């Protein structure tokens, strides 16, 4: 029993670090998605503004 305890603790530690890594991955995905959506909307706004300026010229 005493031999198994350190292994069990190590296994639990590994599992916890994997769970932590998954949380960090989710966090990164969320940040990336927010930036991506912001970038897309910014690009669309810029393009539409440029088109609008061209329309005003005519």
Protein backbone atom coordinates (compact mmCIF):
# COMPACT_ATOMS: atom_id res chain seq x y z
CA UNK A 1 0.00 0.00 0.00
CA UNK A 2 2.80 2.42 0.86
CA UNK A 3 4.39 1.73 -2.53
CA UNK A 4 1.17 2.55 -4.39
CA UNK A 5 0.50 5.88 -2.67
CA UNK A 6 3.24 7.97 -4.34
CA UNK A 7 2.18 6.61 -7.74
CA UNK A 8 -1.47 7.46 -7.08
CA UNK A 9 -0.50 10.97 -5.99
CA UNK A 10 1.65 11.39 -9.10
CA UNK A 11 -1.21 10.19 -11.30
CA UNK A 12 -3.59 12.67 -9.68
CA UNK A 13 -1.04 15.46 -10.15
CA UNK A 14 -0.72 14.56 -13.83
CA UNK A 15 -4.48 14.55 -14.23
CA UNK A 16 -4.76 17.95 -12.56
CA UNK A 17 -2.07 19.43 -14.80
CA UNK A 18 -3.86 18.05 -17.87
CA UNK A 19 -7.13 19.61 -16.69
CA UNK A 20 -5.30 22.89 -16.12
CA UNK A 21 -3.82 22.70 -19.60
CA UNK A 22 -7.30 22.16 -21.05
CA UNK A 23 -8.56 25.25 -19.22
CA UNK A 24 -5.67 27.28 -20.62
CA UNK A 25 -6.39 25.99 -24.13
CA UNK A 26 -10.05 27.00 -23.79
CA UNK A 27 -8.95 30.42 -22.57
CA UNK A 28 -6.61 30.84 -25.54
CA UNK A 29 -9.32 29.72 -27.97
CA UNK A 30 -11.69 32.27 -26.46
CA UNK A 31 -9.11 35.08 -26.74
CA UNK A 32 -8.28 34.09 -30.31
CA UNK A 33 -11.95 33.99 -31.31
CA UNK A 34 -12.60 37.41 -29.78
CA UNK A 35 -9.61 38.91 -31.59
CA UNK A 36 -10.56 37.17 -34.83
CA UNK A 37 -14.16 38.44 -34.67
CA UNK A 38 -12.92 41.94 -33.82
CA UNK A 39 -10.46 41.85 -36.72
CA UNK A 40 -13.15 40.65 -39.15
CA UNK A 41 -15.62 43.32 -38.07
CA UNK A 42 -12.88 45.96 -38.21
CA UNK A 43 -11.92 44.89 -41.74
CA UNK A 44 -15.54 44.90 -42.91
CA UNK A 45 -16.08 48.35 -41.38
CA UNK A 46 -12.93 49.71 -43.06
CA UNK A 47 -13.93 48.30 -46.45
CA UNK A 48 -17.48 49.61 -46.17
CA UNK A 49 -16.18 53.05 -45.14
CA UNK A 50 -13.88 53.09 -48.15
CA UNK A 51 -16.79 52.16 -50.42
CA UNK A 52 -18.96 54.80 -48.79
CA UNK A 53 -16.31 57.47 -49.43
CA UNK A 54 -16.19 56.44 -53.09
CA UNK A 55 -19.98 56.74 -53.30
CA UNK A 56 -19.86 60.24 -51.83
CA UNK A 57 -17.33 61.34 -54.49
CA UNK A 58 -19.78 60.55 -57.29
